[in-house]
Amino acid sequence: MTISEAQKEIDAWIKKYGVRYFDNLTNLSILMEEVGELARIYSRKFGEQSFKDKEAKHSIEDEMADILFVLMCMANQNDINLEEAMKKNLAKKTSRDSERHLRNKKLK
């Protein structure tokens, strides 16, 4: 599935099951909440924190998909084609950073 296809599928899902998109600020808050859930898993799986005994273990994949879903909702409601935005963003990063990371002694 391409990014554009995913955006269309999410739009159809919202129209069928979600009634309408939440407003921009609500979606931003939901996005931050989902990022926090991913951060919680990371801090327990890769950091020093541990899971609580009865804490439900969410999957990293599911949390990343939740983030992507909300981000695509935000793009849809603001008429942003994320596939095109990614192409432009990668071109910008390539132009700006094509040598920078290769010269970074900390990365070698």
N, C-alpha and C. Protein backbone atom coordinates (compact mmCIF):
# COMPACT_ATOMS: atom_id res chain seq x y z
N MET A 1 0.85 -1.18 0.00
CA MET A 1 0.00 0.00 0.00
C MET A 1 0.90 1.24 0.00
N THR A 2 0.62 2.16 -0.90
CA THR A 2 1.38 3.41 -0.93
C THR A 2 0.83 4.35 0.15
N ILE A 3 1.55 5.42 0.39
CA ILE A 3 1.09 6.41 1.36
C ILE A 3 -0.23 7.03 0.86
N SER A 4 -0.29 7.33 -0.42
CA SER A 4 -1.52 7.91 -0.99
C SER A 4 -2.70 6.96 -0.86
N GLU A 5 -2.46 5.69 -1.11
CA GLU A 5 -3.52 4.69 -0.95
C GLU A 5 -3.97 4.60 0.50
N ALA A 6 -3.03 4.66 1.41
CA ALA A 6 -3.37 4.62 2.84
C ALA A 6 -4.21 5.83 3.22
N GLN A 7 -3.84 6.99 2.73
CA GLN A 7 -4.62 8.19 3.03
C GLN A 7 -6.05 8.05 2.52
N LYS A 8 -6.22 7.51 1.32
CA LYS A 8 -7.56 7.31 0.77
C LYS A 8 -8.35 6.29 1.59
N GLU A 9 -7.68 5.22 1.99
CA GLU A 9 -8.36 4.19 2.78
C GLU A 9 -8.78 4.73 4.14
N ILE A 10 -7.94 5.53 4.75
CA ILE A 10 -8.28 6.14 6.03
C ILE A 10 -9.44 7.12 5.86
N ASP A 11 -9.43 7.89 4.78
CA ASP A 11 -10.53 8.81 4.53
C ASP A 11 -11.85 8.06 4.39
N ALA A 12 -11.83 6.94 3.67
CA ALA A 12 -13.05 6.12 3.52
C ALA A 12 -13.48 5.55 4.87
N TRP A 13 -12.51 5.13 5.68
CA TRP A 13 -12.82 4.58 7.00
C TRP A 13 -13.48 5.64 7.89
N ILE A 14 -12.91 6.84 7.88
CA ILE A 14 -13.47 7.94 8.68
C ILE A 14 -14.91 8.21 8.25
N LYS A 15 -15.14 8.28 6.97
CA LYS A 15 -16.48 8.58 6.47
C LYS A 15 -17.48 7.48 6.79
N LYS A 16 -17.01 6.22 6.85
CA LYS A 16 -17.91 5.11 7.13
C LYS A 16 -18.11 4.88 8.63
N TYR A 17 -17.04 4.95 9.42
CA TYR A 17 -17.12 4.58 10.83
C TYR A 17 -16.89 5.75 11.79
N GLY A 18 -16.20 6.77 11.35
CA GLY A 18 -15.84 7.84 12.25
C GLY A 18 -16.75 9.04 12.21
N VAL A 19 -17.71 9.05 11.31
CA VAL A 19 -18.67 10.14 11.09
C VAL A 19 -17.98 11.34 10.44
N ARG A 20 -16.93 11.85 11.07
CA ARG A 20 -16.18 12.99 10.52
C ARG A 20 -14.81 13.02 11.19
N TYR A 21 -13.93 13.83 10.65
CA TYR A 21 -12.63 14.03 11.28
C TYR A 21 -12.80 14.85 12.54
N PHE A 22 -12.01 14.55 13.57
CA PHE A 22 -11.95 15.43 14.72
C PHE A 22 -11.31 16.74 14.26
N ASP A 23 -11.51 17.81 15.01
CA ASP A 23 -10.89 19.06 14.60
C ASP A 23 -9.37 18.97 14.75
N ASN A 24 -8.69 19.94 14.16
CA ASN A 24 -7.23 19.92 14.11
C ASN A 24 -6.58 19.83 15.49
N LEU A 25 -7.04 20.61 16.43
CA LEU A 25 -6.44 20.59 17.77
C LEU A 25 -6.68 19.27 18.48
N THR A 26 -7.86 18.70 18.30
CA THR A 26 -8.13 17.39 18.90
C THR A 26 -7.20 16.35 18.30
N ASN A 27 -7.04 16.36 16.97
CA ASN A 27 -6.14 15.40 16.35
C ASN A 27 -4.69 15.60 16.78
N LEU A 28 -4.28 16.83 16.96
CA LEU A 28 -2.92 17.07 17.45
C LEU A 28 -2.75 16.48 18.84
N SER A 29 -3.74 16.67 19.69
CA SER A 29 -3.69 16.10 21.05
C SER A 29 -3.66 14.57 21.00
N ILE A 30 -4.46 13.99 20.12
CA ILE A 30 -4.47 12.53 19.98
C ILE A 30 -3.10 12.04 19.48
N LEU A 31 -2.51 12.77 18.54
CA LEU A 31 -1.19 12.40 18.04
C LEU A 31 -0.16 12.41 19.17
N MET A 32 -0.19 13.44 19.99
CA MET A 32 0.75 13.52 21.12
C MET A 32 0.52 12.38 22.11
N GLU A 33 -0.73 12.03 22.32
CA GLU A 33 -1.07 10.91 23.20
C GLU A 33 -0.49 9.61 22.65
N GLU A 34 -0.65 9.39 21.36
CA GLU A 34 -0.13 8.17 20.74
C GLU A 34 1.40 8.12 20.78
N VAL A 35 2.05 9.26 20.55
CA VAL A 35 3.51 9.32 20.64
C VAL A 35 3.94 9.01 22.07
N GLY A 36 3.19 9.50 23.05
CA GLY A 36 3.48 9.20 24.45
C GLY A 36 3.37 7.72 24.75
N GLU A 37 2.37 7.06 24.15
CA GLU A 37 2.22 5.62 24.36
C GLU A 37 3.41 4.86 23.78
N LEU A 38 3.89 5.30 22.62
CA LEU A 38 5.07 4.67 22.03
C LEU A 38 6.30 4.92 22.92
N ALA A 39 6.42 6.14 23.42
CA ALA A 39 7.55 6.48 24.29
C ALA A 39 7.53 5.63 25.57
N ARG A 40 6.35 5.38 26.09
CA ARG A 40 6.21 4.56 27.30
C ARG A 40 6.74 3.14 27.05
N ILE A 41 6.38 2.58 25.91
CA ILE A 41 6.86 1.23 25.58
C ILE A 41 8.38 1.25 25.40
N TYR A 42 8.89 2.24 24.68
CA TYR A 42 10.33 2.34 24.46
C TYR A 42 11.09 2.46 25.77
N SER A 43 10.58 3.28 26.69
CA SER A 43 11.28 3.47 27.96
C SER A 43 11.32 2.20 28.80
N ARG A 44 10.35 1.34 28.60
CA ARG A 44 10.31 0.08 29.34
C ARG A 44 11.06 -1.04 28.62
N LYS A 45 10.99 -1.04 27.30
CA LYS A 45 11.63 -2.11 26.54
C LYS A 45 13.13 -1.85 26.35
N PHE A 46 13.50 -0.60 26.09
CA PHE A 46 14.89 -0.28 25.79
C PHE A 46 15.57 0.56 26.86
N GLY A 47 14.80 1.18 27.73
CA GLY A 47 15.36 2.04 28.78
C GLY A 47 15.42 1.33 30.11
N GLU A 48 15.56 2.12 31.16
CA GLU A 48 15.73 1.57 32.49
C GLU A 48 14.43 1.24 33.20
N GLN A 49 13.30 1.74 32.69
CA GLN A 49 12.04 1.45 33.36
C GLN A 49 11.58 0.03 33.06
N SER A 50 10.74 -0.49 33.93
CA SER A 50 10.19 -1.83 33.71
C SER A 50 8.67 -1.74 33.64
N PHE A 51 8.09 -2.76 33.03
CA PHE A 51 6.63 -2.84 32.96
C PHE A 51 6.10 -3.17 34.35
N LYS A 52 4.95 -2.60 34.68
CA LYS A 52 4.27 -2.96 35.93
C LYS A 52 3.73 -4.37 35.79
N ASP A 53 3.54 -5.06 36.92
CA ASP A 53 3.12 -6.46 36.89
C ASP A 53 1.88 -6.70 36.03
N LYS A 54 0.87 -5.87 36.20
CA LYS A 54 -0.40 -6.10 35.48
C LYS A 54 -0.58 -5.13 34.31
N GLU A 55 0.48 -4.48 33.92
CA GLU A 55 0.41 -3.52 32.83
C GLU A 55 0.25 -4.26 31.50
N ALA A 56 -0.72 -3.81 30.74
CA ALA A 56 -0.93 -4.40 29.42
C ALA A 56 0.26 -4.05 28.54
N LYS A 57 0.79 -5.04 27.87
CA LYS A 57 1.93 -4.81 27.00
C LYS A 57 1.42 -4.52 25.59
N HIS A 58 1.56 -3.27 25.19
CA HIS A 58 1.16 -2.88 23.85
C HIS A 58 2.34 -3.12 22.92
N SER A 59 2.04 -3.32 21.66
CA SER A 59 3.11 -3.58 20.71
C SER A 59 3.61 -2.28 20.09
N ILE A 60 4.89 -2.26 19.83
CA ILE A 60 5.51 -1.11 19.18
C ILE A 60 4.86 -0.90 17.81
N GLU A 61 4.64 -2.00 17.09
CA GLU A 61 4.05 -1.89 15.75
C GLU A 61 2.67 -1.24 15.80
N ASP A 62 1.85 -1.64 16.77
CA ASP A 62 0.51 -1.10 16.87
C ASP A 62 0.54 0.38 17.22
N GLU A 63 1.44 0.78 18.12
CA GLU A 63 1.53 2.19 18.49
C GLU A 63 2.03 3.03 17.31
N MET A 64 2.98 2.50 16.55
CA MET A 64 3.45 3.23 15.37
C MET A 64 2.32 3.37 14.35
N ALA A 65 1.53 2.33 14.18
CA ALA A 65 0.40 2.39 13.26
C ALA A 65 -0.64 3.41 13.74
N ASP A 66 -0.86 3.48 15.06
CA ASP A 66 -1.78 4.49 15.60
C ASP A 66 -1.29 5.89 15.26
N ILE A 67 0.01 6.12 15.41
CA ILE A 67 0.60 7.42 15.11
C ILE A 67 0.41 7.75 13.63
N LEU A 68 0.71 6.77 12.78
CA LEU A 68 0.57 6.98 11.34
C LEU A 68 -0.88 7.26 10.95
N PHE A 69 -1.82 6.55 11.57
CA PHE A 69 -3.24 6.76 11.30
C PHE A 69 -3.64 8.20 11.61
N VAL A 70 -3.28 8.68 12.79
CA VAL A 70 -3.66 10.04 13.19
C VAL A 70 -2.97 11.06 12.30
N LEU A 71 -1.69 10.84 12.00
CA LEU A 71 -0.96 11.76 11.13
C LEU A 71 -1.62 11.84 9.75
N MET A 72 -2.06 10.70 9.26
CA MET A 72 -2.73 10.70 7.95
C MET A 72 -4.10 11.37 8.02
N CYS A 73 -4.78 11.22 9.14
CA CYS A 73 -6.04 11.96 9.33
C CYS A 73 -5.77 13.46 9.26
N MET A 74 -4.73 13.90 9.94
CA MET A 74 -4.39 15.32 9.95
C MET A 74 -4.03 15.79 8.54
N ALA A 75 -3.29 14.98 7.81
CA ALA A 75 -2.95 15.34 6.43
C ALA A 75 -4.20 15.43 5.57
N ASN A 76 -5.08 14.45 5.70
CA ASN A 76 -6.32 14.45 4.91
C ASN A 76 -7.15 15.69 5.17
N GLN A 77 -7.33 16.03 6.42
CA GLN A 77 -8.21 17.16 6.73
C GLN A 77 -7.58 18.49 6.35
N ASN A 78 -6.28 18.49 6.07
CA ASN A 78 -5.60 19.73 5.67
C ASN A 78 -5.15 19.67 4.21
N ASP A 79 -5.72 18.72 3.46
CA ASP A 79 -5.43 18.57 2.04
C ASP A 79 -3.93 18.47 1.73
N ILE A 80 -3.24 17.66 2.52
CA ILE A 80 -1.81 17.43 2.33
C ILE A 80 -1.61 16.02 1.79
N ASN A 81 -0.94 15.93 0.66
CA ASN A 81 -0.57 14.65 0.09
C ASN A 81 0.76 14.26 0.73
N LEU A 82 0.73 13.33 1.67
CA LEU A 82 1.94 12.96 2.40
C LEU A 82 2.98 12.31 1.50
N GLU A 83 2.54 11.63 0.46
CA GLU A 83 3.51 11.01 -0.45
C GLU A 83 4.35 12.09 -1.13
N GLU A 84 3.69 13.13 -1.61
CA GLU A 84 4.41 14.24 -2.23
C GLU A 84 5.24 15.01 -1.20
N ALA A 85 4.69 15.18 -0.02
CA ALA A 85 5.42 15.88 1.04
C ALA A 85 6.69 15.14 1.41
N MET A 86 6.62 13.79 1.45
CA MET A 86 7.80 12.99 1.78
C MET A 86 8.86 13.11 0.69
N LYS A 87 8.44 13.11 -0.56
CA LYS A 87 9.40 13.26 -1.67
C LYS A 87 10.14 14.60 -1.55
N LYS A 88 9.39 15.66 -1.29
CA LYS A 88 10.00 16.99 -1.14
C LYS A 88 10.91 17.03 0.08
N ASN A 89 10.48 16.39 1.17
CA ASN A 89 11.26 16.40 2.40
C ASN A 89 12.57 15.64 2.22
N LEU A 90 12.51 14.49 1.54
CA LEU A 90 13.74 13.72 1.29
C LEU A 90 14.70 14.48 0.39
N ALA A 91 14.15 15.19 -0.60
CA ALA A 91 14.99 16.00 -1.48
C ALA A 91 15.67 17.11 -0.68
N LYS A 92 14.93 17.74 0.22
CA LYS A 92 15.50 18.79 1.07
C LYS A 92 16.61 18.22 1.95
N LYS A 93 16.35 17.08 2.59
CA LYS A 93 17.35 16.47 3.46
C LYS A 93 18.59 16.05 2.67
N THR A 94 18.39 15.53 1.47
CA THR A 94 19.52 15.11 0.64
C THR A 94 20.37 16.31 0.26
N SER A 95 19.72 17.38 -0.13
CA SER A 95 20.43 18.60 -0.50
C SER A 95 21.19 19.18 0.69
N ARG A 96 20.57 19.18 1.83
CA ARG A 96 21.15 19.80 3.02
C ARG A 96 22.18 18.91 3.72
N ASP A 97 21.91 17.59 3.74
CA ASP A 97 22.69 16.70 4.59
C ASP A 97 23.50 15.64 3.86
N SER A 98 23.63 15.74 2.54
CA SER A 98 24.26 14.66 1.78
C SER A 98 25.69 14.38 2.23
N GLU A 99 26.39 15.37 2.72
CA GLU A 99 27.77 15.18 3.19
C GLU A 99 27.91 15.30 4.70
N ARG A 100 26.98 15.98 5.33
CA ARG A 100 27.10 16.29 6.76
C ARG A 100 27.29 15.06 7.62
N HIS A 101 26.44 14.05 7.45
CA HIS A 101 26.52 12.86 8.29
C HIS A 101 27.76 12.02 7.96
N LEU A 102 28.16 12.03 6.70
CA LEU A 102 29.36 11.30 6.31
C LEU A 102 30.61 11.90 6.95
N ARG A 103 30.59 13.20 7.19
CA ARG A 103 31.73 13.88 7.83
C ARG A 103 31.68 13.84 9.35
N ASN A 104 30.57 13.39 9.90
CA ASN A 104 30.41 13.39 11.35
C ASN A 104 31.22 12.24 11.97
N LYS A 105 32.29 12.58 12.67
CA LYS A 105 33.19 11.58 13.27
C LYS A 105 32.49 10.80 14.37
N LYS A 106 31.45 11.37 14.96
CA LYS A 106 30.72 10.68 16.02
C LYS A 106 29.94 9.49 15.49
N LEU A 107 29.65 9.47 14.19
CA LEU A 107 28.87 8.40 13.61
C LEU A 107 29.73 7.25 13.07
N LYS A 108 31.03 7.41 13.14
CA LYS A 108 31.92 6.37 12.60
C LYS A 108 32.46 5.48 13.67
